[in-house]
């Protein structure tokens, strides 16, 4: 089970900045994720791949990389975790 309590809102914001700095292709290649298929995180009127952002935030917080199959992206997974941190995640 993933220890999401080790990830802070600031870790998520750092992952968003990394995505903006690198762009989608380089971000996905560097962190091992791909585009969202069902949900997206909305921040400052921009749309982000919610699961990739949360997984990267976990890596930034812990130094441990999660594979996409290590956690769920849906309502019981990444959507819930990001929502508890105050982020808006909506269906595509």
PDB file of N, CA and C in Angstrom:
ATOM      1  N   UNK A   1       0.844  -1.188   0.000  1.00  0.00           N
ATOM      2  CA  UNK A   1       0.000   0.000   0.000  1.00  0.00           C
ATOM      3  C   UNK A   1       0.892   1.255   0.000  1.00  0.00           C
ATOM      4  N   UNK A   2       0.481   2.249  -0.753  1.00  0.00           N
ATOM      5  CA  UNK A   2       1.254   3.477  -0.890  1.00  0.00           C
ATOM      6  C   UNK A   2       0.958   4.410   0.291  1.00  0.00           C
ATOM      7  N   UNK A   3       2.001   4.972   0.873  1.00  0.00           N
ATOM      8  CA  UNK A   3       1.872   5.881   2.022  1.00  0.00           C
ATOM      9  C   UNK A   3       1.659   7.306   1.525  1.00  0.00           C
ATOM     10  N   UNK A   4       0.435   7.629   1.138  1.00  0.00           N
ATOM     11  CA  UNK A   4       0.144   8.956   0.581  1.00  0.00           C
ATOM     12  C   UNK A   4       0.317  10.062   1.608  1.00  0.00           C
ATOM     13  N   UNK A   5       0.289   9.731   2.890  1.00  0.00           N
ATOM     14  CA  UNK A   5       0.468  10.766   3.913  1.00  0.00           C
ATOM     15  C   UNK A   5       1.878  11.367   3.880  1.00  0.00           C
ATOM     16  N   UNK A   6       2.785  10.747   3.154  1.00  0.00           N
ATOM     17  CA  UNK A   6       4.148  11.280   3.002  1.00  0.00           C
ATOM     18  C   UNK A   6       4.220  12.353   1.906  1.00  0.00           C
ATOM     19  N   UNK A   7       3.139  12.510   1.158  1.00  0.00           N
ATOM     20  CA  UNK A   7       3.093  13.474   0.044  1.00  0.00           C
ATOM     21  C   UNK A   7       2.326  14.718   0.492  1.00  0.00           C
ATOM     22  N   UNK A   8       2.941  15.864   0.321  1.00  0.00           N
ATOM     23  CA  UNK A   8       2.299  17.124   0.709  1.00  0.00           C
ATOM     24  C   UNK A   8       1.761  17.848  -0.532  1.00  0.00           C
ATOM     25  N   UNK A   9       0.965  18.844  -0.259  1.00  0.00           N
ATOM     26  CA  UNK A   9       0.468  19.709  -1.330  1.00  0.00           C
ATOM     27  C   UNK A   9       1.640  20.348  -2.075  1.00  0.00           C
ATOM     28  N   UNK A  10       2.680  20.720  -1.347  1.00  0.00           N
ATOM     29  CA  UNK A  10       3.859  21.312  -1.978  1.00  0.00           C
ATOM     30  C   UNK A  10       4.554  20.334  -2.927  1.00  0.00           C
ATOM     31  N   UNK A  11       4.533  19.049  -2.596  1.00  0.00           N
ATOM     32  CA  UNK A  11       5.114  18.042  -3.493  1.00  0.00           C
ATOM     33  C   UNK A  11       4.328  17.986  -4.801  1.00  0.00           C
ATOM     34  N   UNK A  12       3.007  18.080  -4.697  1.00  0.00           N
ATOM     35  CA  UNK A  12       2.169  18.084  -5.899  1.00  0.00           C
ATOM     36  C   UNK A  12       2.452  19.339  -6.723  1.00  0.00           C
ATOM     37  N   UNK A  13       2.564  20.471  -6.063  1.00  0.00           N
ATOM     38  CA  UNK A  13       2.872  21.719  -6.779  1.00  0.00           C
ATOM     39  C   UNK A  13       4.235  21.636  -7.466  1.00  0.00           C
ATOM     40  N   UNK A  14       5.205  20.997  -6.821  1.00  0.00           N
ATOM     41  CA  UNK A  14       6.522  20.814  -7.444  1.00  0.00           C
ATOM     42  C   UNK A  14       6.417  19.913  -8.677  1.00  0.00           C
ATOM     43  N   UNK A  15       5.582  18.883  -8.614  1.00  0.00           N
ATOM     44  CA  UNK A  15       5.373  18.008  -9.774  1.00  0.00           C
ATOM     45  C   UNK A  15       4.707  18.776 -10.913  1.00  0.00           C
ATOM     46  N   UNK A  16       3.764  19.642 -10.589  1.00  0.00           N
ATOM     47  CA  UNK A  16       3.129  20.473 -11.618  1.00  0.00           C
ATOM     48  C   UNK A  16       4.159  21.392 -12.281  1.00  0.00           C
ATOM     49  N   UNK A  17       5.041  21.969 -11.493  1.00  0.00           N
ATOM     50  CA  UNK A  17       6.088  22.834 -12.045  1.00  0.00           C
ATOM     51  C   UNK A  17       7.028  22.038 -12.946  1.00  0.00           C
ATOM     52  N   UNK A  18       7.343  20.808 -12.548  1.00  0.00           N
ATOM     53  CA  UNK A  18       8.206  19.952 -13.357  1.00  0.00           C
ATOM     54  C   UNK A  18       7.542  19.641 -14.696  1.00  0.00           C
ATOM     55  N   UNK A  19       6.242  19.383 -14.667  1.00  0.00           N
ATOM     56  CA  UNK A  19       5.484  19.114 -15.897  1.00  0.00           C
ATOM     57  C   UNK A  19       5.523  20.338 -16.813  1.00  0.00           C
ATOM     58  N   UNK A  20       5.292  21.501 -16.239  1.00  0.00           N
ATOM     59  CA  UNK A  20       5.311  22.737 -17.038  1.00  0.00           C
ATOM     60  C   UNK A  20       6.699  22.998 -17.626  1.00  0.00           C
ATOM     61  N   UNK A  21       7.731  22.739 -16.843  1.00  0.00           N
ATOM     62  CA  UNK A  21       9.103  22.991 -17.281  1.00  0.00           C
ATOM     63  C   UNK A  21       9.530  22.025 -18.382  1.00  0.00           C
ATOM     64  N   UNK A  22       9.201  20.757 -18.228  1.00  0.00           N
ATOM     65  CA  UNK A  22       9.647  19.733 -19.170  1.00  0.00           C
ATOM     66  C   UNK A  22       8.745  19.572 -20.385  1.00  0.00           C
ATOM     67  N   UNK A  23       7.447  19.832 -20.209  1.00  0.00           N
ATOM     68  CA  UNK A  23       6.480  19.520 -21.253  1.00  0.00           C
ATOM     69  C   UNK A  23       6.085  18.051 -21.143  1.00  0.00           C
ATOM     70  N   UNK A  24       4.943  17.694 -21.743  1.00  0.00           N
ATOM     71  CA  UNK A  24       4.412  16.345 -21.560  1.00  0.00           C
ATOM     72  C   UNK A  24       5.366  15.216 -21.956  1.00  0.00           C
ATOM     73  N   UNK A  25       5.946  15.267 -23.132  1.00  0.00           N
ATOM     74  CA  UNK A  25       6.766  14.144 -23.604  1.00  0.00           C
ATOM     75  C   UNK A  25       7.953  13.878 -22.688  1.00  0.00           C
ATOM     76  N   UNK A  26       8.695  14.904 -22.361  1.00  0.00           N
ATOM     77  CA  UNK A  26       9.861  14.722 -21.493  1.00  0.00           C
ATOM     78  C   UNK A  26       9.454  14.340 -20.078  1.00  0.00           C
ATOM     79  N   UNK A  27       8.351  14.911 -19.588  1.00  0.00           N
ATOM     80  CA  UNK A  27       7.868  14.580 -18.247  1.00  0.00           C
ATOM     81  C   UNK A  27       7.526  13.094 -18.176  1.00  0.00           C
ATOM     82  N   UNK A  28       6.754  12.614 -19.161  1.00  0.00           N
ATOM     83  CA  UNK A  28       6.362  11.204 -19.159  1.00  0.00           C
ATOM     84  C   UNK A  28       7.583  10.295 -19.273  1.00  0.00           C
ATOM     85  N   UNK A  29       8.526  10.655 -20.129  1.00  0.00           N
ATOM     86  CA  UNK A  29       9.733   9.841 -20.302  1.00  0.00           C
ATOM     87  C   UNK A  29      10.564   9.816 -19.012  1.00  0.00           C
ATOM     88  N   UNK A  30      10.671  10.939 -18.349  1.00  0.00           N
ATOM     89  CA  UNK A  30      11.492  11.022 -17.135  1.00  0.00           C
ATOM     90  C   UNK A  30      10.855  10.281 -15.966  1.00  0.00           C
ATOM     91  N   UNK A  31       9.538  10.364 -15.839  1.00  0.00           N
ATOM     92  CA  UNK A  31       8.883   9.828 -14.644  1.00  0.00           C
ATOM     93  C   UNK A  31       8.139   8.509 -14.869  1.00  0.00           C
ATOM     94  N   UNK A  32       8.050   8.050 -16.099  1.00  0.00           N
ATOM     95  CA  UNK A  32       7.481   6.738 -16.356  1.00  0.00           C
ATOM     96  C   UNK A  32       5.962   6.662 -16.437  1.00  0.00           C
ATOM     97  N   UNK A  33       5.320   7.737 -16.791  1.00  0.00           N
ATOM     98  CA  UNK A  33       3.857   7.765 -16.906  1.00  0.00           C
ATOM     99  C   UNK A  33       3.446   8.143 -18.318  1.00  0.00           C
ATOM    100  N   UNK A  34       2.152   8.143 -18.555  1.00  0.00           N
ATOM    101  CA  UNK A  34       1.608   8.556 -19.828  1.00  0.00           C
ATOM    102  C   UNK A  34       0.425   9.481 -19.603  1.00  0.00           C
ATOM    103  N   UNK A  35      -0.212   9.909 -20.676  1.00  0.00           N
ATOM    104  CA  UNK A  35      -1.367  10.808 -20.564  1.00  0.00           C
ATOM    105  C   UNK A  35      -2.518  10.165 -19.795  1.00  0.00           C
ATOM    106  N   UNK A  36      -3.345  10.996 -19.212  1.00  0.00           N
ATOM    107  CA  UNK A  36      -4.543  10.518 -18.513  1.00  0.00           C
ATOM    108  C   UNK A  36      -5.545   9.955 -19.501  1.00  0.00           C
ATOM    109  N   UNK A  37      -6.292   8.974 -19.035  1.00  0.00           N
ATOM    110  CA  UNK A  37      -7.339   8.378 -19.873  1.00  0.00           C
ATOM    111  C   UNK A  37      -8.741   8.695 -19.379  1.00  0.00           C
ATOM    112  N   UNK A  38      -8.870   9.053 -18.100  1.00  0.00           N
ATOM    113  CA  UNK A  38     -10.224   9.259 -17.595  1.00  0.00           C
ATOM    114  C   UNK A  38     -10.416  10.510 -16.737  1.00  0.00           C
ATOM    115  N   UNK A  39      -9.367  11.001 -16.112  1.00  0.00           N
ATOM    116  CA  UNK A  39      -9.476  12.189 -15.251  1.00  0.00           C
ATOM    117  C   UNK A  39      -8.327  13.132 -15.549  1.00  0.00           C
ATOM    118  N   UNK A  40      -8.496  14.390 -15.119  1.00  0.00           N
ATOM    119  CA  UNK A  40      -7.421  15.364 -15.225  1.00  0.00           C
ATOM    120  C   UNK A  40      -7.468  16.299 -14.030  1.00  0.00           C
ATOM    121  N   UNK A  41      -6.297  16.740 -13.615  1.00  0.00           N
ATOM    122  CA  UNK A  41      -6.164  17.696 -12.538  1.00  0.00           C
ATOM    123  C   UNK A  41      -6.206  19.089 -13.159  1.00  0.00           C
ATOM    124  N   UNK A  42      -6.975  19.972 -12.570  1.00  0.00           N
ATOM    125  CA  UNK A  42      -7.075  21.349 -13.056  1.00  0.00           C
ATOM    126  C   UNK A  42      -6.366  22.251 -12.047  1.00  0.00           C
ATOM    127  N   UNK A  43      -5.395  23.030 -12.545  1.00  0.00           N
ATOM    128  CA  UNK A  43      -4.656  23.956 -11.688  1.00  0.00           C
ATOM    129  C   UNK A  43      -4.347  25.206 -12.503  1.00  0.00           C
ATOM    130  N   UNK A  44      -4.736  26.347 -11.990  1.00  0.00           N
ATOM    131  CA  UNK A  44      -4.511  27.629 -12.678  1.00  0.00           C
ATOM    132  C   UNK A  44      -5.001  27.576 -14.133  1.00  0.00           C
ATOM    133  N   UNK A  45      -6.177  27.019 -14.297  1.00  0.00           N
ATOM    134  CA  UNK A  45      -6.853  26.921 -15.604  1.00  0.00           C
ATOM    135  C   UNK A  45      -6.109  26.044 -16.607  1.00  0.00           C
ATOM    136  N   UNK A  46      -5.169  25.243 -16.127  1.00  0.00           N
ATOM    137  CA  UNK A  46      -4.448  24.301 -16.990  1.00  0.00           C
ATOM    138  C   UNK A  46      -4.853  22.884 -16.620  1.00  0.00           C
ATOM    139  N   UNK A  47      -4.713  21.986 -17.573  1.00  0.00           N
ATOM    140  CA  UNK A  47      -5.116  20.598 -17.392  1.00  0.00           C
ATOM    141  C   UNK A  47      -3.872  19.710 -17.339  1.00  0.00           C
ATOM    142  N   UNK A  48      -3.841  18.807 -16.349  1.00  0.00           N
ATOM    143  CA  UNK A  48      -2.681  17.959 -16.115  1.00  0.00           C
ATOM    144  C   UNK A  48      -3.106  16.500 -15.961  1.00  0.00           C
ATOM    145  N   UNK A  49      -2.215  15.571 -16.273  1.00  0.00           N
ATOM    146  CA  UNK A  49      -2.484  14.149 -16.059  1.00  0.00           C
ATOM    147  C   UNK A  49      -2.390  13.827 -14.563  1.00  0.00           C
ATOM    148  N   UNK A  50      -3.533  13.640 -13.946  1.00  0.00           N
ATOM    149  CA  UNK A  50      -3.602  13.552 -12.485  1.00  0.00           C
ATOM    150  C   UNK A  50      -2.750  12.437 -11.887  1.00  0.00           C
ATOM    151  N   UNK A  51      -2.796  11.266 -12.482  1.00  0.00           N
ATOM    152  CA  UNK A  51      -2.058  10.130 -11.927  1.00  0.00           C
ATOM    153  C   UNK A  51      -0.548  10.341 -12.071  1.00  0.00           C
ATOM    154  N   UNK A  52      -0.117  10.865 -13.199  1.00  0.00           N
ATOM    155  CA  UNK A  52       1.307  11.135 -13.412  1.00  0.00           C
ATOM    156  C   UNK A  52       1.811  12.198 -12.436  1.00  0.00           C
ATOM    157  N   UNK A  53       0.998  13.203 -12.181  1.00  0.00           N
ATOM    158  CA  UNK A  53       1.386  14.260 -11.246  1.00  0.00           C
ATOM    159  C   UNK A  53       1.492  13.699  -9.832  1.00  0.00           C
ATOM    160  N   UNK A  54       0.518  12.917  -9.408  1.00  0.00           N
ATOM    161  CA  UNK A  54       0.560  12.368  -8.054  1.00  0.00           C
ATOM    162  C   UNK A  54       1.714  11.380  -7.896  1.00  0.00           C
ATOM    163  N   UNK A  55       1.934  10.539  -8.880  1.00  0.00           N
ATOM    164  CA  UNK A  55       3.043   9.597  -8.813  1.00  0.00           C
ATOM    165  C   UNK A  55       4.383  10.305  -8.743  1.00  0.00           C
ATOM    166  N   UNK A  56       4.520  11.381  -9.502  1.00  0.00           N
ATOM    167  CA  UNK A  56       5.752  12.168  -9.475  1.00  0.00           C
ATOM    168  C   UNK A  56       5.905  12.882  -8.136  1.00  0.00           C
ATOM    169  N   UNK A  57       4.804  13.383  -7.589  1.00  0.00           N
ATOM    170  CA  UNK A  57       4.858  14.019  -6.268  1.00  0.00           C
ATOM    171  C   UNK A  57       5.331  13.016  -5.214  1.00  0.00           C
ATOM    172  N   UNK A  58       4.883  11.784  -5.327  1.00  0.00           N
ATOM    173  CA  UNK A  58       5.329  10.745  -4.401  1.00  0.00           C
ATOM    174  C   UNK A  58       6.840  10.521  -4.538  1.00  0.00           C
ATOM    175  N   UNK A  59       7.306  10.474  -5.769  1.00  0.00           N
ATOM    176  CA  UNK A  59       8.739  10.298  -6.020  1.00  0.00           C
ATOM    177  C   UNK A  59       9.541  11.468  -5.441  1.00  0.00           C
ATOM    178  N   UNK A  60       9.046  12.680  -5.620  1.00  0.00           N
ATOM    179  CA  UNK A  60       9.730  13.854  -5.077  1.00  0.00           C
ATOM    180  C   UNK A  60       9.761  13.822  -3.550  1.00  0.00           C
ATOM    181  N   UNK A  61       8.670  13.359  -2.942  1.00  0.00           N
ATOM    182  CA  UNK A  61       8.562  13.343  -1.481  1.00  0.00           C
ATOM    183  C   UNK A  61       9.390  12.234  -0.842  1.00  0.00           C
ATOM    184  N   UNK A  62       9.470  11.083  -1.501  1.00  0.00           N
ATOM    185  CA  UNK A  62      10.051   9.904  -0.862  1.00  0.00           C
ATOM    186  C   UNK A  62      11.347   9.414  -1.498  1.00  0.00           C
ATOM    187  N   UNK A  63      11.604   9.823  -2.739  1.00  0.00           N
ATOM    188  CA  UNK A  63      12.738   9.292  -3.474  1.00  0.00           C
ATOM    189  C   UNK A  63      12.464   7.940  -4.099  1.00  0.00           C
ATOM    190  N   UNK A  64      11.245   7.436  -3.920  1.00  0.00           N
ATOM    191  CA  UNK A  64      10.853   6.129  -4.459  1.00  0.00           C
ATOM    192  C   UNK A  64       9.913   6.322  -5.645  1.00  0.00           C
ATOM    193  N   UNK A  65      10.256   5.718  -6.769  1.00  0.00           N
ATOM    194  CA  UNK A  65       9.414   5.821  -7.962  1.00  0.00           C
ATOM    195  C   UNK A  65       8.325   4.756  -7.931  1.00  0.00           C
ATOM    196  N   UNK A  66       7.107   5.184  -8.213  1.00  0.00           N
ATOM    197  CA  UNK A  66       5.985   4.262  -8.366  1.00  0.00           C
ATOM    198  C   UNK A  66       5.730   4.036  -9.844  1.00  0.00           C
ATOM    199  N   UNK A  67       5.427   2.811 -10.209  1.00  0.00           N
ATOM    200  CA  UNK A  67       4.993   2.516 -11.568  1.00  0.00           C
ATOM    201  C   UNK A  67       3.496   2.804 -11.657  1.00  0.00           C
ATOM    202  N   UNK A  68       2.981   3.081 -12.859  1.00  0.00           N
ATOM    203  CA  UNK A  68       1.549   3.356 -12.989  1.00  0.00           C
ATOM    204  C   UNK A  68       0.657   2.242 -12.409  1.00  0.00           C
ATOM    205  N   UNK A  69       1.117   1.013 -12.464  1.00  0.00           N
ATOM    206  CA  UNK A  69       0.328  -0.096 -11.926  1.00  0.00           C
ATOM    207  C   UNK A  69       0.391  -0.241 -10.419  1.00  0.00           C
ATOM    208  N   UNK A  70       1.195   0.582  -9.756  1.00  0.00           N
ATOM    209  CA  UNK A  70       1.340   0.486  -8.304  1.00  0.00           C
ATOM    210  C   UNK A  70       0.210   1.158  -7.532  1.00  0.00           C
ATOM    211  N   UNK A  71      -0.586   1.972  -8.217  1.00  0.00           N
ATOM    212  CA  UNK A  71      -1.704   2.632  -7.542  1.00  0.00           C
ATOM    213  C   UNK A  71      -2.794   2.945  -8.558  1.00  0.00           C
ATOM    214  N   UNK A  72      -4.007   3.093  -8.050  1.00  0.00           N
ATOM    215  CA  UNK A  72      -5.176   3.351  -8.887  1.00  0.00           C
ATOM    216  C   UNK A  72      -5.312   4.845  -9.164  1.00  0.00           C
ATOM    217  N   UNK A  73      -5.771   5.165 -10.356  1.00  0.00           N
ATOM    218  CA  UNK A  73      -5.964   6.559 -10.709  1.00  0.00           C
ATOM    219  C   UNK A  73      -7.386   7.054 -10.505  1.00  0.00           C
ATOM    220  N   UNK A  74      -8.330   6.146 -10.338  1.00  0.00           N
ATOM    221  CA  UNK A  74      -9.745   6.510 -10.293  1.00  0.00           C
ATOM    222  C   UNK A  74     -10.201   7.123  -8.986  1.00  0.00           C
ATOM    223  N   UNK A  75     -11.521   7.102  -8.796  1.00  0.00           N
ATOM    224  CA  UNK A  75     -12.143   7.767  -7.651  1.00  0.00           C
ATOM    225  C   UNK A  75     -11.631   7.282  -6.308  1.00  0.00           C
ATOM    226  N   UNK A  76     -11.286   6.011  -6.204  1.00  0.00           N
ATOM    227  CA  UNK A  76     -10.799   5.473  -4.935  1.00  0.00           C
ATOM    228  C   UNK A  76      -9.289   5.624  -4.787  1.00  0.00           C
ATOM    229  N   UNK A  77      -8.633   6.142  -5.812  1.00  0.00           N
ATOM    230  CA  UNK A  77      -7.176   6.256  -5.796  1.00  0.00           C
ATOM    231  C   UNK A  77      -6.709   7.690  -5.882  1.00  0.00           C
ATOM    232  N   UNK A  78      -6.046   8.016  -6.993  1.00  0.00           N
ATOM    233  CA  UNK A  78      -5.428   9.341  -7.158  1.00  0.00           C
ATOM    234  C   UNK A  78      -6.447  10.473  -7.079  1.00  0.00           C
ATOM    235  N   UNK A  79      -7.638  10.265  -7.594  1.00  0.00           N
ATOM    236  CA  UNK A  79      -8.667  11.319  -7.544  1.00  0.00           C
ATOM    237  C   UNK A  79      -8.973  11.673  -6.089  1.00  0.00           C
ATOM    238  N   UNK A  80      -9.130  10.667  -5.253  1.00  0.00           N
ATOM    239  CA  UNK A  80      -9.439  10.881  -3.834  1.00  0.00           C
ATOM    240  C   UNK A  80      -8.270  11.561  -3.116  1.00  0.00           C
ATOM    241  N   UNK A  81      -7.059  11.067  -3.343  1.00  0.00           N
ATOM    242  CA  UNK A  81      -5.877  11.621  -2.669  1.00  0.00           C
ATOM    243  C   UNK A  81      -5.700  13.098  -3.024  1.00  0.00           C
ATOM    244  N   UNK A  82      -5.771  13.416  -4.303  1.00  0.00           N
ATOM    245  CA  UNK A  82      -5.616  14.808  -4.730  1.00  0.00           C
ATOM    246  C   UNK A  82      -6.762  15.686  -4.218  1.00  0.00           C
ATOM    247  N   UNK A  83      -7.962  15.148  -4.216  1.00  0.00           N
ATOM    248  CA  UNK A  83      -9.114  15.889  -3.694  1.00  0.00           C
ATOM    249  C   UNK A  83      -8.947  16.252  -2.224  1.00  0.00           C
ATOM    250  N   UNK A  84      -8.415  15.310  -1.429  1.00  0.00           N
ATOM    251  CA  UNK A  84      -8.184  15.580  -0.006  1.00  0.00           C
ATOM    252  C   UNK A  84      -7.155  16.686   0.196  1.00  0.00           C
ATOM    253  N   UNK A  85      -6.285  16.879  -0.785  1.00  0.00           N
ATOM    254  CA  UNK A  85      -5.286  17.945  -0.695  1.00  0.00           C
ATOM    255  C   UNK A  85      -5.824  19.275  -1.215  1.00  0.00           C
ATOM    256  N   UNK A  86      -7.066  19.280  -1.674  1.00  0.00           N
ATOM    257  CA  UNK A  86      -7.680  20.518  -2.135  1.00  0.00           C
ATOM    258  C   UNK A  86      -7.574  20.768  -3.629  1.00  0.00           C
ATOM    259  N   UNK A  87      -7.113  19.772  -4.386  1.00  0.00           N
ATOM    260  CA  UNK A  87      -7.012  19.943  -5.831  1.00  0.00           C
ATOM    261  C   UNK A  87      -8.303  19.523  -6.511  1.00  0.00           C
ATOM    262  N   UNK A  88      -8.578  20.118  -7.653  1.00  0.00           N
ATOM    263  CA  UNK A  88      -9.756  19.781  -8.449  1.00  0.00           C
ATOM    264  C   UNK A  88      -9.347  18.766  -9.490  1.00  0.00           C
ATOM    265  N   UNK A  89     -10.024  17.623  -9.486  1.00  0.00           N
ATOM    266  CA  UNK A  89      -9.812  16.582 -10.477  1.00  0.00           C
ATOM    267  C   UNK A  89     -11.174  16.279 -11.094  1.00  0.00           C
ATOM    268  N   UNK A  90     -11.231  16.310 -12.413  1.00  0.00           N
ATOM    269  CA  UNK A  90     -12.522  16.108 -13.082  1.00  0.00           C
ATOM    270  C   UNK A  90     -12.379  15.068 -14.186  1.00  0.00           C
ATOM    271  N   UNK A  91     -13.506  14.432 -14.538  1.00  0.00           N
ATOM    272  CA  UNK A  91     -13.466  13.467 -15.648  1.00  0.00           C
ATOM    273  C   UNK A  91     -13.118  14.162 -16.961  1.00  0.00           C
ATOM    274  N   UNK A  92     -12.432  13.440 -17.829  1.00  0.00           N
ATOM    275  CA  UNK A  92     -12.136  13.968 -19.165  1.00  0.00           C
ATOM    276  C   UNK A  92     -13.396  14.088 -19.993  1.00  0.00           C
TER     277      UNK A  92
END
